[in-house]
Amino acid sequence: MSAMNFARLKLRHLQCLVMVAQERNLVRAGKALSLTQPAVSKTIAELEEIVGRQLLLRRRRGVELTPAAEVLVRHAVSALRGLREGMGLAMDQPEADQLRVAVGALPNMAANLLPEAVARLNALHPALRVRVVSGTNAQLMTQLRQGEIDLVLGRLAQASAMADLAFEQLYSEPLLLVVRPGHPLAARRRPTLDALAAHPLVLPVSGTLIRHTADAFLIARGMALPNRLVEATDTSFVVGLLQRSDAVWFAPQGAVEGFIAQGMLKRLAIDTSSTEGPVGFTVRRGGEAGEVGEGVRLLVEVIRGIVAATARGGLAGARLGNTA
């Protein structure tokens, strides 16, 4: 295709071709585009001239696409989708003065406390735009440093990862061993750690802080990792797995307490209090948050309020270190 011909290509040519490909009929394509059938024919003829190939084969009942048209349609659909997404994203960008906050949430926060906080924020500040990003601690800290997100909610990262970041502790929580109701170990008053070896074990993915905590707990008690090991951070996947199997999940309390309260999961009566660790939010040092600082401030304020209510025995009272 020569540069001169390509310069003549317009969006309407692609839209028309895609609609004709969809309808395989010029009259129906015209109706869908609010054009007459002659206008559709003229547009396709222009496109054929630009491409230098025949695109349509006229048949009694409608039209067929030539091989050249099939190729062009695939790319036209992709180009139109990309443009539409780009326009949508551009329109979705908040105005310069609009309040917004982008928060990275680890599973222990994403399951319970953060949804509660965002629900309250929506009620208090309807114009505040909240973007929630999930991932591992390392992924979220990278995005925090690069300014893609404003704060990270979850366990404190390793000290080595905190050089230019600041952490504020909200509470501490342990990891819990949980199973589906009806699991062979669920009814035992005092199951032993050895009993876990007979079942698949679900642990956080390797390299994460909570995986390190879980491994340290098991190693300290002389338990080797079982052969049947599933590594996952996605809460909905693990809950689905537990409902379908006798797997045991070693998970942060915040990720599972809602499911325990609803009766979907059951905690095993194994003391895991030594896995307790600080949970809070991490921000960039020096207040580089600047223009989005107010959104961050509002979110943090709401979260602090929820944690304070929890400490007084409110929402999910078990969260604050009550591991019984």
C-alpha atoms as a PDB file:
ATOM      1  CA  MET A   1       0.000   0.000   0.000  1.00  0.00           C
ATOM      2  CA  SER A   2       1.554   3.309  -0.976  1.00  0.00           C
ATOM      3  CA  ALA A   3       1.867   6.152   1.521  1.00  0.00           C
ATOM      4  CA  MET A   4      -0.357   8.334  -0.658  1.00  0.00           C
ATOM      5  CA  ASN A   5      -3.197   5.780  -0.655  1.00  0.00           C
ATOM      6  CA  PHE A   6      -2.846   5.161   3.078  1.00  0.00           C
ATOM      7  CA  ALA A   7      -3.241   8.897   3.710  1.00  0.00           C
ATOM      8  CA  ARG A   8      -6.717   8.661   2.122  1.00  0.00           C
ATOM      9  CA  LEU A   9      -7.844   5.985   4.579  1.00  0.00           C
ATOM     10  CA  LYS A  10     -10.542   7.248   6.955  1.00  0.00           C
ATOM     11  CA  LEU A  11     -12.154   5.750  10.024  1.00  0.00           C
ATOM     12  CA  ARG A  12     -15.495   5.498   8.170  1.00  0.00           C
ATOM     13  CA  HIS A  13     -13.899   3.153   5.600  1.00  0.00           C
ATOM     14  CA  LEU A  14     -12.928   0.695   8.339  1.00  0.00           C
ATOM     15  CA  GLN A  15     -16.231   1.026  10.202  1.00  0.00           C
ATOM     16  CA  CYS A  16     -18.134   0.377   6.984  1.00  0.00           C
ATOM     17  CA  LEU A  17     -16.067  -2.691   6.070  1.00  0.00           C
ATOM     18  CA  VAL A  18     -16.432  -4.198   9.554  1.00  0.00           C
ATOM     19  CA  MET A  19     -20.207  -3.709   9.501  1.00  0.00           C
ATOM     20  CA  VAL A  20     -20.507  -5.235   5.989  1.00  0.00           C
ATOM     21  CA  ALA A  21     -18.387  -8.195   7.162  1.00  0.00           C
ATOM     22  CA  GLN A  22     -20.704  -8.625  10.122  1.00  0.00           C
ATOM     23  CA  GLU A  23     -23.984  -8.346   8.181  1.00  0.00           C
ATOM     24  CA  ARG A  24     -22.849  -9.840   4.812  1.00  0.00           C
ATOM     25  CA  ASN A  25     -25.511  -7.577   3.303  1.00  0.00           C
ATOM     26  CA  LEU A  26     -25.097  -3.968   2.092  1.00  0.00           C
ATOM     27  CA  VAL A  27     -28.682  -2.904   2.923  1.00  0.00           C
ATOM     28  CA  ARG A  28     -28.501  -4.201   6.510  1.00  0.00           C
ATOM     29  CA  ALA A  29     -25.015  -2.726   6.958  1.00  0.00           C
ATOM     30  CA  GLY A  30     -26.354   0.630   5.722  1.00  0.00           C
ATOM     31  CA  LYS A  31     -29.216   0.546   8.223  1.00  0.00           C
ATOM     32  CA  ALA A  32     -26.831  -0.245  11.085  1.00  0.00           C
ATOM     33  CA  LEU A  33     -24.604   2.691  10.045  1.00  0.00           C
ATOM     34  CA  SER A  34     -27.539   5.035   9.239  1.00  0.00           C
ATOM     35  CA  LEU A  35     -26.388   5.161   5.602  1.00  0.00           C
ATOM     36  CA  THR A  36     -28.115   4.343   2.333  1.00  0.00           C
ATOM     37  CA  GLN A  37     -27.034   1.242   0.423  1.00  0.00           C
ATOM     38  CA  PRO A  38     -25.441   3.380  -2.361  1.00  0.00           C
ATOM     39  CA  ALA A  39     -23.411   5.244   0.295  1.00  0.00           C
ATOM     40  CA  VAL A  40     -22.135   1.922   1.668  1.00  0.00           C
ATOM     41  CA  SER A  41     -21.225   0.734  -1.863  1.00  0.00           C
ATOM     42  CA  LYS A  42     -19.398   4.012  -2.544  1.00  0.00           C
ATOM     43  CA  THR A  43     -17.433   3.777   0.734  1.00  0.00           C
ATOM     44  CA  ILE A  44     -16.385   0.176   0.004  1.00  0.00           C
ATOM     45  CA  ALA A  45     -15.413   1.164  -3.564  1.00  0.00           C
ATOM     46  CA  GLU A  46     -13.193   3.949  -2.148  1.00  0.00           C
ATOM     47  CA  LEU A  47     -11.581   1.433   0.227  1.00  0.00           C
ATOM     48  CA  GLU A  48     -10.978  -1.025  -2.631  1.00  0.00           C
ATOM     49  CA  GLU A  49      -9.253   1.769  -4.536  1.00  0.00           C
ATOM     50  CA  ILE A  50      -7.086   2.633  -1.513  1.00  0.00           C
ATOM     51  CA  VAL A  51      -6.149  -1.019  -0.898  1.00  0.00           C
ATOM     52  CA  GLY A  52      -5.783  -1.850  -4.580  1.00  0.00           C
ATOM     53  CA  ARG A  53      -7.689  -5.121  -4.097  1.00  0.00           C
ATOM     54  CA  GLN A  54     -11.261  -6.266  -4.576  1.00  0.00           C
ATOM     55  CA  LEU A  55     -12.848  -6.685  -1.151  1.00  0.00           C
ATOM     56  CA  LEU A  56     -16.415  -7.872  -1.825  1.00  0.00           C
ATOM     57  CA  LEU A  57     -17.913 -10.531  -4.065  1.00  0.00           C
ATOM     58  CA  ARG A  58     -21.554  -9.724  -4.869  1.00  0.00           C
ATOM     59  CA  ARG A  59     -23.905 -12.683  -4.507  1.00  0.00           C
ATOM     60  CA  ARG A  60     -27.691 -12.949  -5.008  1.00  0.00           C
ATOM     61  CA  ARG A  61     -28.392 -13.058  -1.281  1.00  0.00           C
ATOM     62  CA  GLY A  62     -25.691 -10.587  -0.180  1.00  0.00           C
ATOM     63  CA  VAL A  63     -21.911 -10.313  -0.265  1.00  0.00           C
ATOM     64  CA  GLU A  64     -18.870 -12.464   0.477  1.00  0.00           C
ATOM     65  CA  LEU A  65     -15.462 -11.227   1.590  1.00  0.00           C
ATOM     66  CA  THR A  66     -12.379 -11.811  -0.537  1.00  0.00           C
ATOM     67  CA  PRO A  67      -9.230 -13.153   1.221  1.00  0.00           C
ATOM     68  CA  ALA A  68      -7.825  -9.585   1.203  1.00  0.00           C
ATOM     69  CA  ALA A  69     -10.991  -8.342   2.934  1.00  0.00           C
ATOM     70  CA  GLU A  70     -10.805 -11.102   5.573  1.00  0.00           C
ATOM     71  CA  VAL A  71      -7.273  -9.983   6.487  1.00  0.00           C
ATOM     72  CA  LEU A  72      -8.221  -6.308   6.508  1.00  0.00           C
ATOM     73  CA  VAL A  73     -11.330  -6.921   8.642  1.00  0.00           C
ATOM     74  CA  ARG A  74      -9.278  -8.655  11.345  1.00  0.00           C
ATOM     75  CA  HIS A  75      -6.895  -5.718  11.555  1.00  0.00           C
ATOM     76  CA  ALA A  76      -9.690  -3.135  11.265  1.00  0.00           C
ATOM     77  CA  VAL A  77     -11.534  -4.701  14.210  1.00  0.00           C
ATOM     78  CA  SER A  78      -8.332  -4.645  16.254  1.00  0.00           C
ATOM     79  CA  ALA A  79      -7.576  -1.017  15.288  1.00  0.00           C
ATOM     80  CA  LEU A  80     -11.111   0.172  16.050  1.00  0.00           C
ATOM     81  CA  ARG A  81     -11.119  -1.634  19.396  1.00  0.00           C
ATOM     82  CA  GLY A  82      -7.755  -0.077  20.281  1.00  0.00           C
ATOM     83  CA  LEU A  83      -9.009   3.392  19.371  1.00  0.00           C
ATOM     84  CA  ARG A  84     -12.208   2.925  21.339  1.00  0.00           C
ATOM     85  CA  GLU A  85     -10.259   1.754  24.400  1.00  0.00           C
ATOM     86  CA  GLY A  86      -7.849   4.668  24.031  1.00  0.00           C
ATOM     87  CA  MET A  87     -10.733   7.154  23.813  1.00  0.00           C
ATOM     88  CA  GLY A  88     -12.377   5.523  26.816  1.00  0.00           C
ATOM     89  CA  LEU A  89      -9.197   5.740  28.864  1.00  0.00           C
ATOM     90  CA  ALA A  90      -8.663   9.364  27.851  1.00  0.00           C
ATOM     91  CA  MET A  91     -12.234  10.246  28.838  1.00  0.00           C
ATOM     92  CA  ASP A  92     -11.790   8.256  32.037  1.00  0.00           C
ATOM     93  CA  GLN A  93      -8.820  10.348  33.138  1.00  0.00           C
ATOM     94  CA  PRO A  94      -9.977  12.442  36.078  1.00  0.00           C
ATOM     95  CA  GLU A  95      -9.989  16.210  35.724  1.00  0.00           C
ATOM     96  CA  ALA A  96      -6.871  17.791  37.206  1.00  0.00           C
ATOM     97  CA  ASP A  97      -8.750  18.899  40.315  1.00  0.00           C
ATOM     98  CA  GLN A  98     -10.686  15.648  40.855  1.00  0.00           C
ATOM     99  CA  LEU A  99      -9.896  13.683  44.007  1.00  0.00           C
ATOM    100  CA  ARG A 100      -8.470  10.251  43.324  1.00  0.00           C
ATOM    101  CA  VAL A 101      -6.467   7.541  45.023  1.00  0.00           C
ATOM    102  CA  ALA A 102      -4.736   4.453  43.621  1.00  0.00           C
ATOM    103  CA  VAL A 103      -4.167   1.759  46.219  1.00  0.00           C
ATOM    104  CA  GLY A 104      -2.220  -1.485  46.028  1.00  0.00           C
ATOM    105  CA  ALA A 105      -3.880  -4.188  48.123  1.00  0.00           C
ATOM    106  CA  LEU A 106      -2.391  -7.446  49.340  1.00  0.00           C
ATOM    107  CA  PRO A 107      -4.857 -10.341  49.840  1.00  0.00           C
ATOM    108  CA  ASN A 108      -5.235  -9.815  53.600  1.00  0.00           C
ATOM    109  CA  MET A 109      -6.521  -6.260  52.992  1.00  0.00           C
ATOM    110  CA  ALA A 110      -8.322  -6.858  49.685  1.00  0.00           C
ATOM    111  CA  ALA A 111     -10.759  -9.397  51.134  1.00  0.00           C
ATOM    112  CA  ASN A 112     -12.317  -7.476  54.005  1.00  0.00           C
ATOM    113  CA  LEU A 113     -10.923  -4.204  55.283  1.00  0.00           C
ATOM    114  CA  LEU A 114     -10.385  -2.430  51.964  1.00  0.00           C
ATOM    115  CA  PRO A 115     -13.888  -3.204  50.572  1.00  0.00           C
ATOM    116  CA  GLU A 116     -15.347  -1.843  53.807  1.00  0.00           C
ATOM    117  CA  ALA A 117     -13.200   1.293  53.529  1.00  0.00           C
ATOM    118  CA  VAL A 118     -14.069   1.914  49.863  1.00  0.00           C
ATOM    119  CA  ALA A 119     -17.785   1.377  50.558  1.00  0.00           C
ATOM    120  CA  ARG A 120     -17.627   4.070  53.260  1.00  0.00           C
ATOM    121  CA  LEU A 121     -15.550   6.383  51.050  1.00  0.00           C
ATOM    122  CA  ASN A 122     -18.119   6.075  48.235  1.00  0.00           C
ATOM    123  CA  ALA A 123     -20.851   7.127  50.651  1.00  0.00           C
ATOM    124  CA  LEU A 124     -18.855  10.030  52.143  1.00  0.00           C
ATOM    125  CA  HIS A 125     -17.135  11.302  48.982  1.00  0.00           C
ATOM    126  CA  PRO A 126     -19.055  10.216  45.860  1.00  0.00           C
ATOM    127  CA  ALA A 127     -16.689  12.142  43.544  1.00  0.00           C
ATOM    128  CA  LEU A 128     -13.547  10.362  44.802  1.00  0.00           C
ATOM    129  CA  ARG A 129     -12.141   7.947  42.233  1.00  0.00           C
ATOM    130  CA  VAL A 130     -10.591   4.829  43.727  1.00  0.00           C
ATOM    131  CA  ARG A 131      -8.377   2.457  41.733  1.00  0.00           C
ATOM    132  CA  VAL A 132      -7.443  -0.840  43.415  1.00  0.00           C
ATOM    133  CA  VAL A 133      -4.460  -2.841  42.171  1.00  0.00           C
ATOM    134  CA  SER A 134      -3.574  -6.324  43.410  1.00  0.00           C
ATOM    135  CA  GLY A 135      -0.291  -8.211  43.233  1.00  0.00           C
ATOM    136  CA  THR A 136       2.587  -9.449  45.356  1.00  0.00           C
ATOM    137  CA  ASN A 137       4.317  -7.189  47.860  1.00  0.00           C
ATOM    138  CA  ALA A 138       7.318  -6.766  45.521  1.00  0.00           C
ATOM    139  CA  GLN A 139       5.124  -5.878  42.514  1.00  0.00           C
ATOM    140  CA  LEU A 140       3.114  -3.331  44.480  1.00  0.00           C
ATOM    141  CA  MET A 141       6.182  -1.718  46.062  1.00  0.00           C
ATOM    142  CA  THR A 142       7.669  -1.238  42.578  1.00  0.00           C
ATOM    143  CA  GLN A 143       4.467   0.446  41.395  1.00  0.00           C
ATOM    144  CA  LEU A 144       4.457   2.600  44.540  1.00  0.00           C
ATOM    145  CA  ARG A 145       8.025   3.771  43.895  1.00  0.00           C
ATOM    146  CA  GLN A 146       7.196   4.557  40.268  1.00  0.00           C
ATOM    147  CA  GLY A 147       4.215   6.670  41.313  1.00  0.00           C
ATOM    148  CA  GLU A 148       1.643   4.396  39.634  1.00  0.00           C
ATOM    149  CA  ILE A 149      -0.084   3.849  42.985  1.00  0.00           C
ATOM    150  CA  ASP A 150      -0.242   6.085  46.057  1.00  0.00           C
ATOM    151  CA  LEU A 151      -0.079   3.571  48.893  1.00  0.00           C
ATOM    152  CA  VAL A 152       0.140  -0.165  49.556  1.00  0.00           C
ATOM    153  CA  LEU A 153      -2.033  -1.906  52.148  1.00  0.00           C
ATOM    154  CA  GLY A 154      -0.800  -5.130  53.710  1.00  0.00           C
ATOM    155  CA  ARG A 155       2.036  -6.614  55.714  1.00  0.00           C
ATOM    156  CA  LEU A 156       5.260  -4.701  56.232  1.00  0.00           C
ATOM    157  CA  ALA A 157       7.754  -5.513  53.477  1.00  0.00           C
ATOM    158  CA  GLN A 158      11.278  -6.713  54.252  1.00  0.00           C
ATOM    159  CA  ALA A 159      13.441  -3.922  55.672  1.00  0.00           C
ATOM    160  CA  SER A 160      15.662  -4.031  52.576  1.00  0.00           C
ATOM    161  CA  ALA A 161      12.666  -3.070  50.422  1.00  0.00           C
ATOM    162  CA  MET A 162      11.749  -0.069  52.567  1.00  0.00           C
ATOM    163  CA  ALA A 163      14.705   2.283  51.937  1.00  0.00           C
ATOM    164  CA  ASP A 164      12.678   5.132  50.389  1.00  0.00           C
ATOM    165  CA  LEU A 165       9.285   4.141  51.782  1.00  0.00           C
ATOM    166  CA  ALA A 166       7.482   4.757  55.061  1.00  0.00           C
ATOM    167  CA  PHE A 167       5.232   2.265  56.894  1.00  0.00           C
ATOM    168  CA  GLU A 168       2.497   2.934  59.436  1.00  0.00           C
ATOM    169  CA  GLN A 169       1.230  -0.032  61.417  1.00  0.00           C
ATOM    170  CA  LEU A 170      -2.524  -0.315  61.884  1.00  0.00           C
ATOM    171  CA  TYR A 171      -2.662  -3.672  63.690  1.00  0.00           C
ATOM    172  CA  SER A 172      -0.959  -7.061  63.678  1.00  0.00           C
ATOM    173  CA  GLU A 173      -2.346 -10.404  62.586  1.00  0.00           C
ATOM    174  CA  PRO A 174      -1.183 -14.008  62.309  1.00  0.00           C
ATOM    175  CA  LEU A 175      -1.431 -16.495  59.482  1.00  0.00           C
ATOM    176  CA  LEU A 176      -4.186 -19.082  60.014  1.00  0.00           C
ATOM    177  CA  LEU A 177      -4.603 -22.665  58.822  1.00  0.00           C
ATOM    178  CA  VAL A 178      -8.072 -22.968  57.273  1.00  0.00           C
ATOM    179  CA  VAL A 179     -10.111 -25.657  55.516  1.00  0.00           C
ATOM    180  CA  ARG A 180     -13.627 -26.167  54.178  1.00  0.00           C
ATOM    181  CA  PRO A 181     -16.333 -27.106  56.718  1.00  0.00           C
ATOM    182  CA  GLY A 182     -16.578 -30.901  56.755  1.00  0.00           C
ATOM    183  CA  HIS A 183     -12.840 -31.351  56.171  1.00  0.00           C
ATOM    184  CA  PRO A 184     -11.451 -34.425  58.019  1.00  0.00           C
ATOM    185  CA  LEU A 185      -9.319 -32.151  60.243  1.00  0.00           C
ATOM    186  CA  ALA A 186     -12.041 -29.565  60.906  1.00  0.00           C
ATOM    187  CA  ALA A 187     -13.755 -31.536  63.663  1.00  0.00           C
ATOM    188  CA  ARG A 188     -10.556 -32.411  65.545  1.00  0.00           C
ATOM    189  CA  ARG A 189     -10.138 -30.551  68.812  1.00  0.00           C
ATOM    190  CA  ARG A 190      -6.362 -30.484  68.616  1.00  0.00           C
ATOM    191  CA  PRO A 191      -5.093 -31.583  65.198  1.00  0.00           C
ATOM    192  CA  THR A 192      -1.319 -31.987  65.004  1.00  0.00           C
ATOM    193  CA  LEU A 193       0.873 -30.352  62.387  1.00  0.00           C
ATOM    194  CA  ASP A 194       1.882 -33.849  61.240  1.00  0.00           C
ATOM    195  CA  ALA A 195      -1.745 -34.457  60.241  1.00  0.00           C
ATOM    196  CA  LEU A 196      -1.359 -31.744  57.555  1.00  0.00           C
ATOM    197  CA  ALA A 197       1.056 -33.953  55.620  1.00  0.00           C
ATOM    198  CA  ALA A 198      -1.849 -36.128  54.441  1.00  0.00           C
ATOM    199  CA  HIS A 199      -3.482 -33.195  52.655  1.00  0.00           C
ATOM    200  CA  PRO A 200      -2.506 -30.750  49.878  1.00  0.00           C
ATOM    201  CA  LEU A 201      -1.152 -27.520  51.363  1.00  0.00           C
ATOM    202  CA  VAL A 202      -1.841 -24.103  49.840  1.00  0.00           C
ATOM    203  CA  LEU A 203       0.854 -21.503  50.523  1.00  0.00           C
ATOM    204  CA  PRO A 204       1.484 -17.957  49.267  1.00  0.00           C
ATOM    205  CA  VAL A 205       3.747 -17.858  46.192  1.00  0.00           C
ATOM    206  CA  SER A 206       7.503 -18.183  46.690  1.00  0.00           C
ATOM    207  CA  GLY A 207       9.426 -14.990  47.345  1.00  0.00           C
ATOM    208  CA  THR A 208       6.582 -13.214  49.157  1.00  0.00           C
ATOM    209  CA  LEU A 209       6.859 -12.057  52.744  1.00  0.00           C
ATOM    210  CA  ILE A 210       3.980 -14.211  53.985  1.00  0.00           C
ATOM    211  CA  ARG A 211       5.462 -17.274  52.253  1.00  0.00           C
ATOM    212  CA  HIS A 212       8.696 -16.651  54.138  1.00  0.00           C
ATOM    213  CA  THR A 213       6.675 -16.416  57.384  1.00  0.00           C
ATOM    214  CA  ALA A 214       4.765 -19.640  56.604  1.00  0.00           C
ATOM    215  CA  ASP A 215       7.952 -21.530  55.680  1.00  0.00           C
ATOM    216  CA  ALA A 216       9.706 -20.345  58.857  1.00  0.00           C
ATOM    217  CA  PHE A 217       6.765 -21.560  60.982  1.00  0.00           C
ATOM    218  CA  LEU A 218       6.754 -25.028  59.368  1.00  0.00           C
ATOM    219  CA  ILE A 219      10.564 -25.427  59.412  1.00  0.00           C
ATOM    220  CA  ALA A 220      10.757 -24.387  63.076  1.00  0.00           C
ATOM    221  CA  ARG A 221       8.377 -27.261  63.876  1.00  0.00           C
ATOM    222  CA  GLY A 222      10.311 -29.793  61.818  1.00  0.00           C
ATOM    223  CA  MET A 223       7.688 -30.105  59.098  1.00  0.00           C
ATOM    224  CA  ALA A 224       8.878 -30.562  55.530  1.00  0.00           C
ATOM    225  CA  LEU A 225       6.815 -29.080  52.711  1.00  0.00           C
ATOM    226  CA  PRO A 226       4.414 -31.753  51.421  1.00  0.00           C
ATOM    227  CA  ASN A 227       4.658 -33.110  47.880  1.00  0.00           C
ATOM    228  CA  ARG A 228       1.159 -31.849  47.134  1.00  0.00           C
ATOM    229  CA  LEU A 229       1.812 -28.132  47.313  1.00  0.00           C
ATOM    230  CA  VAL A 230      -0.203 -25.393  45.627  1.00  0.00           C
ATOM    231  CA  GLU A 231       1.256 -21.872  45.496  1.00  0.00           C
ATOM    232  CA  ALA A 232      -1.282 -19.094  44.976  1.00  0.00           C
ATOM    233  CA  THR A 233      -2.112 -15.541  45.998  1.00  0.00           C
ATOM    234  CA  ASP A 234      -5.549 -15.244  44.384  1.00  0.00           C
ATOM    235  CA  THR A 235      -8.107 -15.568  47.182  1.00  0.00           C
ATOM    236  CA  SER A 236     -11.078 -16.491  44.978  1.00  0.00           C
ATOM    237  CA  PHE A 237      -9.056 -19.325  43.387  1.00  0.00           C
ATOM    238  CA  VAL A 238      -7.975 -20.760  46.746  1.00  0.00           C
ATOM    239  CA  VAL A 239     -11.474 -20.580  48.249  1.00  0.00           C
ATOM    240  CA  GLY A 240     -12.769 -22.410  45.154  1.00  0.00           C
ATOM    241  CA  LEU A 241     -10.057 -25.050  45.552  1.00  0.00           C
ATOM    242  CA  LEU A 242     -10.778 -25.566  49.265  1.00  0.00           C
ATOM    243  CA  GLN A 243     -14.485 -26.067  48.579  1.00  0.00           C
ATOM    244  CA  ARG A 244     -13.630 -28.841  46.070  1.00  0.00           C
ATOM    245  CA  SER A 245     -10.853 -30.662  47.941  1.00  0.00           C
ATOM    246  CA  ASP A 246      -9.277 -31.486  51.297  1.00  0.00           C
ATOM    247  CA  ALA A 247      -6.554 -28.866  50.828  1.00  0.00           C
ATOM    248  CA  VAL A 248      -5.365 -26.814  53.823  1.00  0.00           C
ATOM    249  CA  TRP A 249      -4.653 -23.100  53.308  1.00  0.00           C
ATOM    250  CA  PHE A 250      -2.009 -21.197  55.282  1.00  0.00           C
ATOM    251  CA  ALA A 251      -3.355 -17.667  54.843  1.00  0.00           C
ATOM    252  CA  PRO A 252      -3.236 -14.197  56.440  1.00  0.00           C
ATOM    253  CA  GLN A 253      -6.093 -13.745  58.903  1.00  0.00           C
ATOM    254  CA  GLY A 254      -7.433 -10.725  57.005  1.00  0.00           C
ATOM    255  CA  ALA A 255      -7.805 -12.769  53.813  1.00  0.00           C
ATOM    256  CA  VAL A 256      -9.950 -15.463  55.462  1.00  0.00           C
ATOM    257  CA  GLU A 257     -11.811 -13.968  58.429  1.00  0.00           C
ATOM    258  CA  GLY A 258     -14.774 -12.916  56.277  1.00  0.00           C
ATOM    259  CA  PHE A 259     -15.126 -16.461  54.889  1.00  0.00           C
ATOM    260  CA  ILE A 260     -14.835 -17.899  58.420  1.00  0.00           C
ATOM    261  CA  ALA A 261     -17.555 -15.514  59.670  1.00  0.00           C
ATOM    262  CA  GLN A 262     -19.822 -16.605  56.778  1.00  0.00           C
ATOM    263  CA  GLY A 263     -19.221 -20.292  57.537  1.00  0.00           C
ATOM    264  CA  MET A 264     -17.512 -20.910  54.177  1.00  0.00           C
ATOM    265  CA  LEU A 265     -14.179 -21.785  55.809  1.00  0.00           C
ATOM    266  CA  LYS A 266     -13.164 -23.188  59.180  1.00  0.00           C
ATOM    267  CA  ARG A 267     -10.017 -22.491  61.142  1.00  0.00           C
ATOM    268  CA  LEU A 268      -7.982 -25.462  62.356  1.00  0.00           C
ATOM    269  CA  ALA A 269      -7.231 -25.416  66.089  1.00  0.00           C
ATOM    270  CA  ILE A 270      -3.458 -25.194  65.585  1.00  0.00           C
ATOM    271  CA  ASP A 271      -1.603 -22.376  67.365  1.00  0.00           C
ATOM    272  CA  THR A 272      -0.085 -20.103  64.716  1.00  0.00           C
ATOM    273  CA  SER A 273       0.353 -17.026  66.922  1.00  0.00           C
ATOM    274  CA  SER A 274       4.128 -16.983  66.223  1.00  0.00           C
ATOM    275  CA  THR A 275       3.351 -15.941  62.630  1.00  0.00           C
ATOM    276  CA  GLU A 276       1.909 -12.638  63.848  1.00  0.00           C
ATOM    277  CA  GLY A 277       3.171  -9.674  61.838  1.00  0.00           C
ATOM    278  CA  PRO A 278       2.490  -5.941  61.419  1.00  0.00           C
ATOM    279  CA  VAL A 279      -0.193  -4.851  58.940  1.00  0.00           C
ATOM    280  CA  GLY A 280      -0.598  -1.295  57.756  1.00  0.00           C
ATOM    281  CA  PHE A 281       0.035   1.011  54.849  1.00  0.00           C
ATOM    282  CA  THR A 282       3.218   1.929  53.011  1.00  0.00           C
ATOM    283  CA  VAL A 283       3.710   5.264  51.219  1.00  0.00           C
ATOM    284  CA  ARG A 284       6.615   7.007  49.491  1.00  0.00           C
ATOM    285  CA  ARG A 285       8.745   9.068  51.845  1.00  0.00           C
ATOM    286  CA  GLY A 286       8.711  12.848  51.608  1.00  0.00           C
ATOM    287  CA  GLY A 287       5.090  13.314  50.533  1.00  0.00           C
ATOM    288  CA  GLU A 288       5.685  13.092  46.794  1.00  0.00           C
ATOM    289  CA  ALA A 289       2.009  12.150  46.581  1.00  0.00           C
ATOM    290  CA  GLY A 290       1.378  15.891  46.024  1.00  0.00           C
ATOM    291  CA  GLU A 291      -1.741  16.352  43.934  1.00  0.00           C
ATOM    292  CA  VAL A 292      -3.315  13.046  44.978  1.00  0.00           C
ATOM    293  CA  GLY A 293      -2.475  13.507  48.651  1.00  0.00           C
ATOM    294  CA  GLU A 294      -6.023  14.442  49.632  1.00  0.00           C
ATOM    295  CA  GLY A 295      -7.453  11.193  48.225  1.00  0.00           C
ATOM    296  CA  VAL A 296      -4.831   9.201  50.123  1.00  0.00           C
ATOM    297  CA  ARG A 297      -5.583  11.157  53.300  1.00  0.00           C
ATOM    298  CA  LEU A 298      -9.311  10.427  53.051  1.00  0.00           C
ATOM    299  CA  LEU A 299      -8.766   6.701  52.475  1.00  0.00           C
ATOM    300  CA  VAL A 300      -6.276   6.392  55.342  1.00  0.00           C
ATOM    301  CA  GLU A 301      -8.658   8.307  57.641  1.00  0.00           C
ATOM    302  CA  VAL A 302     -11.507   5.884  56.878  1.00  0.00           C
ATOM    303  CA  ILE A 303      -9.244   2.839  57.354  1.00  0.00           C
ATOM    304  CA  ARG A 304      -8.008   4.149  60.712  1.00  0.00           C
ATOM    305  CA  GLY A 305     -11.647   4.619  61.757  1.00  0.00           C
ATOM    306  CA  ILE A 306     -12.508   1.017  60.841  1.00  0.00           C
ATOM    307  CA  VAL A 307      -9.469  -0.321  62.721  1.00  0.00           C
ATOM    308  CA  ALA A 308     -10.383   1.747  65.789  1.00  0.00           C
ATOM    309  CA  ALA A 309     -13.955   0.384  65.670  1.00  0.00           C
ATOM    310  CA  THR A 310     -12.548  -3.144  65.324  1.00  0.00           C
ATOM    311  CA  ALA A 311     -10.399  -2.639  68.399  1.00  0.00           C
ATOM    312  CA  ARG A 312     -13.588  -1.703  70.265  1.00  0.00           C
ATOM    313  CA  GLY A 313     -15.178  -4.969  69.134  1.00  0.00           C
ATOM    314  CA  GLY A 314     -16.884  -3.722  65.957  1.00  0.00           C
ATOM    315  CA  LEU A 315     -16.374  -5.069  62.427  1.00  0.00           C
ATOM    316  CA  ALA A 316     -14.765  -8.523  62.397  1.00  0.00           C
ATOM    317  CA  GLY A 317     -13.654  -8.300  66.011  1.00  0.00           C
ATOM    318  CA  ALA A 318     -11.271 -11.206  65.616  1.00  0.00           C
ATOM    319  CA  ARG A 319      -8.944  -9.167  63.420  1.00  0.00           C
ATOM    320  CA  LEU A 320      -6.899  -7.481  66.093  1.00  0.00           C
ATOM    321  CA  GLY A 321      -4.842 -10.308  67.430  1.00  0.00           C
ATOM    322  CA  ASN A 322      -7.745 -12.317  68.879  1.00  0.00           C
ATOM    323  CA  THR A 323      -6.632 -15.642  67.420  1.00  0.00           C
ATOM    324  CA  ALA A 324      -8.831 -17.925  69.497  1.00  0.00           C
END
